[in-house]
Amino acid sequence: MVIVSDKQENYLRLDPFAKSSITNLVAIPGYTLEQVVAIVSDRAKEALKEWSYTDAVIKKVCEQSKGNIVLAINILKTTALTAENANKTKIDETDIPESDCPQLELSQDERVLLKVLQEWKSLPSARLYAFYRERAKYPKEERSFRNYMRDLCARGLAKAIGDKNGRMYEIVEQGDSNSQSNG
């Protein structure tokens, strides 16, 4: 039996019979800052125009992601789009969004929401909330749902289109960061 998890606590939740079938636990360490910088730098070379960013910008983005590669790439994408929307030809550190997500771990509810969005790619807010209520073990009320979605958007994992009544949510795929951008 092989189980892959990002937390050891998931192993502890297994019933005793399942635990007895697992003879070894292998911990895979997270990426170092240098490894994250190397990976994100390679992606930036593919996705952004040459000279549109600096090594300092890449390093700050990577520090903000705390080793989460997908988050780092999404922060870089958000940063590039911010600079592009300001008609800049070069990204600077002021374009990097401030992280209001001190904890990068996703809650169970946020994971349910992302899973629904991964399946459907794009959903109206009300429909996403209905799917969430069906799938979550202990679904929260609409206010908490809106807070979860705001946090997922701030982390660059989802995006909101429209406002209030007509709002749509879309999953931000890792491959989306490959599109060419001025930065």
N, C-alpha and C. Protein backbone atom coordinates (compact mmCIF):
# COMPACT_ATOMS: atom_id res chain seq x y z
N MET A 1 0.85 -1.17 0.00
CA MET A 1 0.00 0.00 0.00
C MET A 1 0.90 1.24 0.00
N VAL A 2 0.56 2.19 -0.84
CA VAL A 2 1.29 3.44 -0.91
C VAL A 2 0.30 4.58 -0.71
N ILE A 3 0.64 5.46 0.20
CA ILE A 3 -0.19 6.63 0.44
C ILE A 3 0.73 7.84 0.32
N VAL A 4 0.28 8.82 -0.42
CA VAL A 4 1.05 10.05 -0.58
C VAL A 4 0.25 11.17 0.08
N SER A 5 0.91 11.91 0.94
CA SER A 5 0.24 12.99 1.65
C SER A 5 1.23 14.09 1.96
N ASP A 6 0.72 15.29 2.11
CA ASP A 6 1.59 16.41 2.47
C ASP A 6 1.70 16.60 3.98
N LYS A 7 0.97 15.82 4.75
CA LYS A 7 0.99 15.95 6.20
C LYS A 7 0.99 14.57 6.85
N GLN A 8 1.80 14.42 7.88
CA GLN A 8 1.84 13.15 8.59
C GLN A 8 0.54 12.91 9.36
N GLU A 9 -0.17 13.96 9.69
CA GLU A 9 -1.42 13.79 10.44
C GLU A 9 -2.44 12.96 9.65
N ASN A 10 -2.35 12.97 8.33
CA ASN A 10 -3.26 12.15 7.52
C ASN A 10 -3.02 10.66 7.77
N TYR A 11 -1.78 10.28 7.99
CA TYR A 11 -1.45 8.90 8.35
C TYR A 11 -2.09 8.55 9.68
N LEU A 12 -2.04 9.47 10.62
CA LEU A 12 -2.58 9.21 11.95
C LEU A 12 -4.10 9.05 11.93
N ARG A 13 -4.75 9.58 10.91
CA ARG A 13 -6.21 9.46 10.80
C ARG A 13 -6.67 8.10 10.28
N LEU A 14 -5.75 7.32 9.71
CA LEU A 14 -6.11 6.02 9.16
C LEU A 14 -6.55 5.07 10.26
N ASP A 15 -7.39 4.12 9.89
CA ASP A 15 -7.79 3.12 10.88
C ASP A 15 -6.60 2.19 11.15
N PRO A 16 -6.61 1.51 12.29
CA PRO A 16 -5.47 0.67 12.68
C PRO A 16 -5.10 -0.39 11.64
N PHE A 17 -6.09 -0.98 10.97
CA PHE A 17 -5.79 -2.00 9.97
C PHE A 17 -4.99 -1.40 8.81
N ALA A 18 -5.40 -0.24 8.33
CA ALA A 18 -4.67 0.41 7.24
C ALA A 18 -3.26 0.78 7.68
N LYS A 19 -3.11 1.29 8.91
CA LYS A 19 -1.78 1.65 9.41
C LYS A 19 -0.87 0.43 9.47
N SER A 20 -1.42 -0.72 9.84
CA SER A 20 -0.58 -1.92 9.95
C SER A 20 -0.08 -2.39 8.59
N SER A 21 -0.74 -1.99 7.51
CA SER A 21 -0.31 -2.37 6.16
C SER A 21 0.82 -1.50 5.63
N ILE A 22 1.07 -0.40 6.31
CA ILE A 22 2.12 0.52 5.87
C ILE A 22 3.36 0.24 6.71
N THR A 23 4.40 -0.26 6.04
CA THR A 23 5.60 -0.65 6.78
C THR A 23 6.65 0.46 6.83
N ASN A 24 6.64 1.37 5.89
CA ASN A 24 7.64 2.45 5.86
C ASN A 24 6.97 3.79 5.60
N LEU A 25 7.50 4.80 6.26
CA LEU A 25 7.11 6.17 5.97
C LEU A 25 8.34 6.87 5.42
N VAL A 26 8.19 7.54 4.29
CA VAL A 26 9.29 8.25 3.67
C VAL A 26 8.96 9.73 3.65
N ALA A 27 9.76 10.51 4.32
CA ALA A 27 9.56 11.96 4.33
C ALA A 27 10.35 12.57 3.17
N ILE A 28 9.68 13.34 2.37
CA ILE A 28 10.34 14.03 1.26
C ILE A 28 10.45 15.49 1.66
N PRO A 29 11.66 15.98 1.81
CA PRO A 29 11.82 17.37 2.27
C PRO A 29 11.35 18.36 1.21
N GLY A 30 10.96 19.54 1.68
CA GLY A 30 10.55 20.60 0.77
C GLY A 30 11.74 21.16 0.03
N TYR A 31 11.47 22.00 -0.94
CA TYR A 31 12.52 22.65 -1.71
C TYR A 31 13.23 23.70 -0.85
N THR A 32 14.51 23.87 -1.10
CA THR A 32 15.24 24.97 -0.49
C THR A 32 14.93 26.23 -1.28
N LEU A 33 15.25 27.39 -0.72
CA LEU A 33 15.01 28.65 -1.43
C LEU A 33 15.78 28.66 -2.74
N GLU A 34 17.00 28.16 -2.74
CA GLU A 34 17.81 28.15 -3.97
C GLU A 34 17.16 27.29 -5.05
N GLN A 35 16.59 26.15 -4.65
CA GLN A 35 15.93 25.28 -5.62
C GLN A 35 14.68 25.95 -6.19
N VAL A 36 13.91 26.60 -5.31
CA VAL A 36 12.70 27.29 -5.76
C VAL A 36 13.08 28.41 -6.74
N VAL A 37 14.12 29.17 -6.40
CA VAL A 37 14.57 30.25 -7.28
C VAL A 37 14.98 29.70 -8.63
N ALA A 38 15.70 28.58 -8.65
CA ALA A 38 16.14 27.99 -9.92
C ALA A 38 14.95 27.55 -10.76
N ILE A 39 13.97 26.92 -10.15
CA ILE A 39 12.79 26.44 -10.88
C ILE A 39 11.98 27.61 -11.42
N VAL A 40 11.73 28.60 -10.57
CA VAL A 40 10.92 29.74 -10.99
C VAL A 40 11.67 30.58 -12.03
N SER A 41 12.99 30.69 -11.91
CA SER A 41 13.78 31.42 -12.91
C SER A 41 13.66 30.76 -14.28
N ASP A 42 13.70 29.43 -14.30
CA ASP A 42 13.53 28.71 -15.57
C ASP A 42 12.16 28.98 -16.17
N ARG A 43 11.13 28.98 -15.33
CA ARG A 43 9.78 29.25 -15.83
C ARG A 43 9.65 30.69 -16.31
N ALA A 44 10.28 31.62 -15.59
CA ALA A 44 10.22 33.03 -15.99
C ALA A 44 10.88 33.23 -17.35
N LYS A 45 11.97 32.53 -17.61
CA LYS A 45 12.65 32.65 -18.91
C LYS A 45 11.73 32.20 -20.04
N GLU A 46 10.89 31.21 -19.76
CA GLU A 46 9.96 30.70 -20.77
C GLU A 46 8.73 31.61 -20.93
N ALA A 47 8.27 32.20 -19.83
CA ALA A 47 6.99 32.90 -19.86
C ALA A 47 7.09 34.41 -20.05
N LEU A 48 8.20 35.00 -19.67
CA LEU A 48 8.31 36.46 -19.70
C LEU A 48 9.36 36.89 -20.73
N LYS A 49 9.20 38.11 -21.19
CA LYS A 49 10.19 38.66 -22.13
C LYS A 49 11.52 38.88 -21.43
N GLU A 50 12.57 38.70 -22.21
CA GLU A 50 13.90 38.92 -21.68
C GLU A 50 14.03 40.35 -21.17
N TRP A 51 14.70 40.54 -20.06
CA TRP A 51 14.95 41.82 -19.42
C TRP A 51 13.70 42.46 -18.81
N SER A 52 12.59 41.72 -18.73
CA SER A 52 11.38 42.31 -18.14
C SER A 52 11.29 42.07 -16.63
N TYR A 53 12.27 41.40 -16.06
CA TYR A 53 12.29 41.11 -14.63
C TYR A 53 13.74 41.02 -14.18
N THR A 54 13.94 41.06 -12.86
CA THR A 54 15.28 40.95 -12.30
C THR A 54 15.36 39.72 -11.40
N ASP A 55 16.57 39.33 -11.08
CA ASP A 55 16.78 38.22 -10.14
C ASP A 55 16.21 38.56 -8.77
N ALA A 56 16.27 39.82 -8.39
CA ALA A 56 15.74 40.26 -7.09
C ALA A 56 14.23 40.04 -7.02
N VAL A 57 13.52 40.31 -8.12
CA VAL A 57 12.07 40.09 -8.17
C VAL A 57 11.78 38.59 -8.01
N ILE A 58 12.52 37.77 -8.75
CA ILE A 58 12.31 36.31 -8.67
C ILE A 58 12.55 35.83 -7.24
N LYS A 59 13.62 36.30 -6.62
CA LYS A 59 13.95 35.86 -5.26
C LYS A 59 12.87 36.27 -4.27
N LYS A 60 12.38 37.50 -4.39
CA LYS A 60 11.33 37.97 -3.46
C LYS A 60 10.04 37.16 -3.64
N VAL A 61 9.69 36.87 -4.89
CA VAL A 61 8.51 36.04 -5.16
C VAL A 61 8.69 34.67 -4.52
N CYS A 62 9.86 34.10 -4.65
CA CYS A 62 10.13 32.77 -4.10
C CYS A 62 10.12 32.78 -2.58
N GLU A 63 10.65 33.82 -1.99
CA GLU A 63 10.61 33.93 -0.53
C GLU A 63 9.17 34.00 -0.03
N GLN A 64 8.35 34.72 -0.77
CA GLN A 64 6.96 34.88 -0.37
C GLN A 64 6.19 33.56 -0.46
N SER A 65 6.60 32.69 -1.39
CA SER A 65 5.87 31.43 -1.58
C SER A 65 6.24 30.36 -0.56
N LYS A 66 7.31 30.56 0.19
CA LYS A 66 7.75 29.64 1.23
C LYS A 66 7.91 28.20 0.72
N GLY A 67 8.50 28.07 -0.47
CA GLY A 67 8.79 26.74 -1.01
C GLY A 67 7.71 26.12 -1.86
N ASN A 68 6.57 26.77 -1.98
CA ASN A 68 5.46 26.25 -2.79
C ASN A 68 5.65 26.73 -4.23
N ILE A 69 6.05 25.80 -5.11
CA ILE A 69 6.39 26.16 -6.49
C ILE A 69 5.17 26.72 -7.23
N VAL A 70 4.03 26.06 -7.12
CA VAL A 70 2.83 26.53 -7.82
C VAL A 70 2.47 27.93 -7.35
N LEU A 71 2.54 28.16 -6.06
CA LEU A 71 2.23 29.49 -5.53
C LEU A 71 3.24 30.51 -6.05
N ALA A 72 4.52 30.16 -6.09
CA ALA A 72 5.54 31.09 -6.59
C ALA A 72 5.27 31.46 -8.04
N ILE A 73 4.93 30.48 -8.86
CA ILE A 73 4.65 30.75 -10.28
C ILE A 73 3.40 31.62 -10.42
N ASN A 74 2.40 31.35 -9.59
CA ASN A 74 1.18 32.17 -9.65
C ASN A 74 1.43 33.59 -9.15
N ILE A 75 2.27 33.75 -8.13
CA ILE A 75 2.62 35.09 -7.66
C ILE A 75 3.37 35.83 -8.77
N LEU A 76 4.29 35.13 -9.44
CA LEU A 76 5.03 35.75 -10.54
C LEU A 76 4.08 36.17 -11.66
N LYS A 77 3.11 35.32 -11.96
CA LYS A 77 2.14 35.66 -13.01
C LYS A 77 1.33 36.90 -12.61
N THR A 78 0.87 36.92 -11.36
CA THR A 78 0.10 38.07 -10.87
C THR A 78 0.96 39.33 -10.92
N THR A 79 2.22 39.19 -10.55
CA THR A 79 3.15 40.32 -10.58
C THR A 79 3.34 40.85 -12.00
N ALA A 80 3.53 39.92 -12.95
CA ALA A 80 3.71 40.32 -14.35
C ALA A 80 2.46 41.01 -14.88
N LEU A 81 1.29 40.49 -14.55
CA LEU A 81 0.04 41.10 -15.01
C LEU A 81 -0.17 42.48 -14.39
N THR A 82 0.23 42.63 -13.13
CA THR A 82 0.13 43.94 -12.47
C THR A 82 0.99 44.96 -13.20
N ALA A 83 2.23 44.56 -13.51
CA ALA A 83 3.14 45.47 -14.23
C ALA A 83 2.60 45.77 -15.63
N GLU A 84 2.08 44.74 -16.29
CA GLU A 84 1.55 44.93 -17.63
C GLU A 84 0.35 45.87 -17.62
N ASN A 85 -0.53 45.72 -16.63
CA ASN A 85 -1.71 46.59 -16.52
C ASN A 85 -1.32 48.03 -16.24
N ALA A 86 -0.14 48.23 -15.64
CA ALA A 86 0.35 49.58 -15.37
C ALA A 86 1.20 50.10 -16.54
N ASN A 87 1.15 49.37 -17.67
CA ASN A 87 1.89 49.73 -18.88
C ASN A 87 3.40 49.82 -18.66
N LYS A 88 3.90 48.98 -17.77
CA LYS A 88 5.34 48.92 -17.53
C LYS A 88 5.96 47.89 -18.47
N THR A 89 7.21 48.09 -18.81
CA THR A 89 7.92 47.10 -19.62
C THR A 89 8.83 46.24 -18.75
N LYS A 90 8.97 46.61 -17.48
CA LYS A 90 9.81 45.86 -16.57
C LYS A 90 9.11 45.72 -15.22
N ILE A 91 9.15 44.51 -14.68
CA ILE A 91 8.56 44.24 -13.37
C ILE A 91 9.51 44.76 -12.30
N ASP A 92 8.95 45.42 -11.28
CA ASP A 92 9.78 45.76 -10.13
C ASP A 92 9.11 45.22 -8.87
N GLU A 93 9.81 45.32 -7.76
CA GLU A 93 9.34 44.70 -6.52
C GLU A 93 8.03 45.30 -6.02
N THR A 94 7.70 46.51 -6.44
CA THR A 94 6.43 47.10 -6.01
C THR A 94 5.22 46.42 -6.68
N ASP A 95 5.46 45.67 -7.75
CA ASP A 95 4.38 44.97 -8.44
C ASP A 95 4.01 43.65 -7.76
N ILE A 96 4.88 43.18 -6.87
CA ILE A 96 4.62 41.91 -6.19
C ILE A 96 3.50 42.14 -5.18
N PRO A 97 2.44 41.34 -5.26
CA PRO A 97 1.32 41.55 -4.33
C PRO A 97 1.74 41.22 -2.90
N GLU A 98 1.24 42.00 -1.97
CA GLU A 98 1.51 41.72 -0.56
C GLU A 98 0.77 40.45 -0.17
N SER A 99 1.44 39.59 0.52
CA SER A 99 0.83 38.33 0.93
C SER A 99 0.02 38.56 2.19
N ASP A 100 -1.28 38.33 2.08
CA ASP A 100 -2.11 38.38 3.28
C ASP A 100 -2.46 36.95 3.69
N CYS A 101 -1.61 36.02 3.28
CA CYS A 101 -1.81 34.61 3.58
C CYS A 101 -0.63 34.11 4.39
N PRO A 102 -0.57 34.41 5.69
CA PRO A 102 0.58 33.99 6.46
C PRO A 102 0.73 32.48 6.51
N GLN A 103 -0.35 31.77 6.40
CA GLN A 103 -0.27 30.31 6.42
C GLN A 103 -0.61 29.81 5.03
N LEU A 104 0.34 29.11 4.41
CA LEU A 104 0.14 28.65 3.04
C LEU A 104 -0.62 27.33 2.98
N GLU A 105 -0.84 26.71 4.12
CA GLU A 105 -1.61 25.48 4.13
C GLU A 105 -3.06 25.79 3.78
N LEU A 106 -3.64 24.95 2.96
CA LEU A 106 -5.04 25.12 2.60
C LEU A 106 -5.91 24.39 3.61
N SER A 107 -7.03 24.99 3.96
CA SER A 107 -7.97 24.31 4.85
C SER A 107 -8.70 23.24 4.03
N GLN A 108 -9.37 22.35 4.73
CA GLN A 108 -10.14 21.30 4.07
C GLN A 108 -11.19 21.92 3.15
N ASP A 109 -11.84 22.99 3.59
CA ASP A 109 -12.86 23.65 2.78
C ASP A 109 -12.25 24.25 1.50
N GLU A 110 -11.07 24.85 1.63
CA GLU A 110 -10.41 25.43 0.46
C GLU A 110 -10.01 24.33 -0.53
N ARG A 111 -9.57 23.19 0.00
CA ARG A 111 -9.22 22.07 -0.89
C ARG A 111 -10.45 21.56 -1.64
N VAL A 112 -11.60 21.50 -0.96
CA VAL A 112 -12.84 21.08 -1.61
C VAL A 112 -13.19 22.06 -2.73
N LEU A 113 -13.09 23.34 -2.45
CA LEU A 113 -13.41 24.36 -3.46
C LEU A 113 -12.48 24.26 -4.66
N LEU A 114 -11.19 24.06 -4.41
CA LEU A 114 -10.25 23.93 -5.53
C LEU A 114 -10.52 22.67 -6.34
N LYS A 115 -10.89 21.60 -5.65
CA LYS A 115 -11.18 20.34 -6.37
C LYS A 115 -12.39 20.53 -7.29
N VAL A 116 -13.41 21.20 -6.81
CA VAL A 116 -14.60 21.48 -7.64
C VAL A 116 -14.19 22.33 -8.84
N LEU A 117 -13.39 23.37 -8.59
CA LEU A 117 -12.97 24.24 -9.69
C LEU A 117 -12.06 23.50 -10.67
N GLN A 118 -11.25 22.58 -10.19
CA GLN A 118 -10.40 21.81 -11.10
C GLN A 118 -11.27 20.95 -12.03
N GLU A 119 -12.36 20.42 -11.52
CA GLU A 119 -13.25 19.60 -12.34
C GLU A 119 -14.01 20.43 -13.37
N TRP A 120 -14.49 21.61 -12.97
CA TRP A 120 -15.37 22.41 -13.83
C TRP A 120 -14.65 23.55 -14.53
N LYS A 121 -13.46 23.89 -14.10
CA LYS A 121 -12.64 24.98 -14.66
C LYS A 121 -13.21 26.37 -14.36
N SER A 122 -14.52 26.56 -14.52
CA SER A 122 -15.14 27.86 -14.30
C SER A 122 -16.58 27.63 -13.85
N LEU A 123 -17.00 28.34 -12.81
CA LEU A 123 -18.36 28.20 -12.30
C LEU A 123 -18.87 29.54 -11.76
N PRO A 124 -20.19 29.78 -11.91
CA PRO A 124 -20.78 30.93 -11.23
C PRO A 124 -20.68 30.72 -9.72
N SER A 125 -20.60 31.79 -9.00
CA SER A 125 -20.43 31.73 -7.55
C SER A 125 -21.49 30.85 -6.88
N ALA A 126 -22.75 31.04 -7.23
CA ALA A 126 -23.82 30.28 -6.59
C ALA A 126 -23.70 28.78 -6.86
N ARG A 127 -23.31 28.43 -8.06
CA ARG A 127 -23.16 27.01 -8.42
C ARG A 127 -21.96 26.39 -7.69
N LEU A 128 -20.87 27.14 -7.60
CA LEU A 128 -19.70 26.67 -6.87
C LEU A 128 -20.05 26.45 -5.41
N TYR A 129 -20.80 27.38 -4.83
CA TYR A 129 -21.21 27.25 -3.43
C TYR A 129 -22.09 26.01 -3.24
N ALA A 130 -22.99 25.75 -4.18
CA ALA A 130 -23.86 24.56 -4.09
C ALA A 130 -23.03 23.28 -4.13
N PHE A 131 -22.06 23.20 -5.05
CA PHE A 131 -21.18 22.02 -5.11
C PHE A 131 -20.38 21.89 -3.82
N TYR A 132 -19.89 22.98 -3.31
CA TYR A 132 -19.13 22.98 -2.05
C TYR A 132 -19.98 22.42 -0.92
N ARG A 133 -21.24 22.87 -0.83
CA ARG A 133 -22.14 22.39 0.25
C ARG A 133 -22.39 20.89 0.14
N GLU A 134 -22.44 20.37 -1.11
CA GLU A 134 -22.65 18.93 -1.30
C GLU A 134 -21.44 18.11 -0.87
N ARG A 135 -20.25 18.63 -1.13
CA ARG A 135 -19.03 17.83 -0.95
C ARG A 135 -18.31 18.02 0.38
N ALA A 136 -18.46 19.17 0.99
CA ALA A 136 -17.74 19.44 2.24
C ALA A 136 -18.35 18.62 3.38
N LYS A 137 -17.48 18.13 4.23
CA LYS A 137 -17.94 17.33 5.37
C LYS A 137 -18.77 18.20 6.32
N TYR A 138 -18.26 19.39 6.61
CA TYR A 138 -18.97 20.35 7.46
C TYR A 138 -19.01 21.69 6.73
N PRO A 139 -19.93 21.84 5.77
CA PRO A 139 -19.95 23.07 4.96
C PRO A 139 -20.25 24.31 5.80
N LYS A 140 -19.60 25.38 5.43
CA LYS A 140 -19.78 26.66 6.11
C LYS A 140 -20.81 27.50 5.37
N GLU A 141 -21.18 28.60 5.99
CA GLU A 141 -22.16 29.50 5.40
C GLU A 141 -21.51 30.36 4.30
N GLU A 142 -22.34 31.11 3.60
CA GLU A 142 -21.89 31.89 2.44
C GLU A 142 -20.78 32.89 2.77
N ARG A 143 -20.84 33.49 3.92
CA ARG A 143 -19.80 34.46 4.27
C ARG A 143 -18.43 33.79 4.33
N SER A 144 -18.35 32.62 4.96
CA SER A 144 -17.08 31.88 5.02
C SER A 144 -16.66 31.44 3.63
N PHE A 145 -17.63 31.00 2.82
CA PHE A 145 -17.33 30.63 1.44
C PHE A 145 -16.68 31.79 0.69
N ARG A 146 -17.26 32.99 0.83
CA ARG A 146 -16.69 34.17 0.16
C ARG A 146 -15.28 34.45 0.66
N ASN A 147 -15.06 34.28 1.96
CA ASN A 147 -13.72 34.49 2.52
C ASN A 147 -12.73 33.46 1.97
N TYR A 148 -13.16 32.21 1.87
CA TYR A 148 -12.28 31.18 1.29
C TYR A 148 -11.91 31.54 -0.14
N MET A 149 -12.89 31.97 -0.91
CA MET A 149 -12.63 32.29 -2.31
C MET A 149 -11.74 33.53 -2.43
N ARG A 150 -11.95 34.51 -1.56
CA ARG A 150 -11.08 35.69 -1.56
C ARG A 150 -9.63 35.28 -1.29
N ASP A 151 -9.45 34.38 -0.32
CA ASP A 151 -8.10 33.93 0.02
C ASP A 151 -7.48 33.11 -1.11
N LEU A 152 -8.27 32.26 -1.75
CA LEU A 152 -7.75 31.47 -2.88
C LEU A 152 -7.35 32.38 -4.04
N CYS A 153 -8.12 33.44 -4.26
CA CYS A 153 -7.77 34.40 -5.31
C CYS A 153 -6.51 35.16 -4.93
N ALA A 154 -6.38 35.54 -3.67
CA ALA A 154 -5.19 36.27 -3.22
C ALA A 154 -3.94 35.41 -3.34
N ARG A 155 -4.09 34.12 -3.19
CA ARG A 155 -2.96 33.21 -3.32
C ARG A 155 -2.63 32.87 -4.76
N GLY A 156 -3.49 33.32 -5.68
CA GLY A 156 -3.24 33.05 -7.09
C GLY A 156 -3.67 31.66 -7.52
N LEU A 157 -4.52 31.01 -6.74
CA LEU A 157 -4.98 29.66 -7.08
C LEU A 157 -6.30 29.68 -7.83
N ALA A 158 -7.04 30.77 -7.70
CA ALA A 158 -8.31 30.94 -8.41
C ALA A 158 -8.41 32.41 -8.79
N LYS A 159 -9.35 32.70 -9.70
CA LYS A 159 -9.58 34.11 -10.02
C LYS A 159 -11.07 34.37 -10.11
N ALA A 160 -11.44 35.58 -9.72
CA ALA A 160 -12.83 36.00 -9.74
C ALA A 160 -13.03 36.91 -10.95
N ILE A 161 -14.15 36.67 -11.64
CA ILE A 161 -14.49 37.49 -12.80
C ILE A 161 -15.88 38.04 -12.56
N GLY A 162 -16.01 39.34 -12.69
CA GLY A 162 -17.31 39.97 -12.44
C GLY A 162 -17.43 40.38 -10.98
N ASP A 163 -18.60 40.90 -10.65
CA ASP A 163 -18.80 41.32 -9.27
C ASP A 163 -20.14 40.86 -8.75
N LYS A 164 -20.20 40.70 -7.48
CA LYS A 164 -21.34 40.28 -6.67
C LYS A 164 -22.25 39.26 -7.37
N ASN A 165 -23.39 39.67 -7.88
CA ASN A 165 -24.38 38.72 -8.39
C ASN A 165 -23.90 37.92 -9.60
N GLY A 166 -23.09 38.51 -10.46
CA GLY A 166 -22.66 37.83 -11.66
C GLY A 166 -21.25 37.26 -11.57
N ARG A 167 -20.72 37.11 -10.38
CA ARG A 167 -19.33 36.69 -10.21
C ARG A 167 -19.14 35.23 -10.65
N MET A 168 -18.06 35.02 -11.40
CA MET A 168 -17.64 33.68 -11.81
C MET A 168 -16.28 33.43 -11.18
N TYR A 169 -16.01 32.18 -10.86
CA TYR A 169 -14.69 31.81 -10.36
C TYR A 169 -14.08 30.82 -11.33
N GLU A 170 -12.78 30.99 -11.56
CA GLU A 170 -12.03 30.08 -12.44
C GLU A 170 -10.82 29.58 -11.70
N ILE A 171 -10.45 28.34 -12.00
CA ILE A 171 -9.22 27.78 -11.46
C ILE A 171 -8.05 28.39 -12.23
N VAL A 172 -6.96 28.66 -11.56
CA VAL A 172 -5.74 29.12 -12.21
C VAL A 172 -4.85 27.90 -12.36
N GLU A 173 -4.74 27.43 -13.59
CA GLU A 173 -3.93 26.25 -13.86
C GLU A 173 -2.47 26.62 -13.82
N GLN A 174 -1.63 25.69 -13.41
CA GLN A 174 -0.19 25.94 -13.37
C GLN A 174 0.33 26.29 -14.76
N GLY A 175 -0.20 25.67 -15.78
CA GLY A 175 0.24 25.94 -17.15
C GLY A 175 -0.12 27.32 -17.65
N ASP A 176 -1.05 28.02 -16.96
CA ASP A 176 -1.44 29.37 -17.39
C ASP A 176 -0.28 30.33 -17.33
N SER A 177 0.72 30.04 -16.51
CA SER A 177 1.84 30.96 -16.36
C SER A 177 2.80 30.88 -17.54
N ASN A 178 2.53 30.01 -18.52
CA ASN A 178 3.39 29.90 -19.70
C ASN A 178 3.09 30.94 -20.75
N SER A 179 1.95 31.62 -20.63
CA SER A 179 1.60 32.58 -21.67
C SER A 179 2.58 33.75 -21.66
N GLN A 180 2.83 34.29 -22.83
CA GLN A 180 3.78 35.40 -22.94
C GLN A 180 3.19 36.65 -22.32
N SER A 181 4.01 37.36 -21.61
CA SER A 181 3.59 38.59 -20.97
C SER A 181 4.74 39.59 -21.03
N ASN A 182 4.40 40.83 -21.11
CA ASN A 182 5.45 41.86 -21.12
C ASN A 182 6.17 41.92 -19.80
N GLY A 183 5.39 41.74 -18.73
CA GLY A 183 5.99 41.84 -17.40
C GLY A 183 6.14 43.19 -17.02
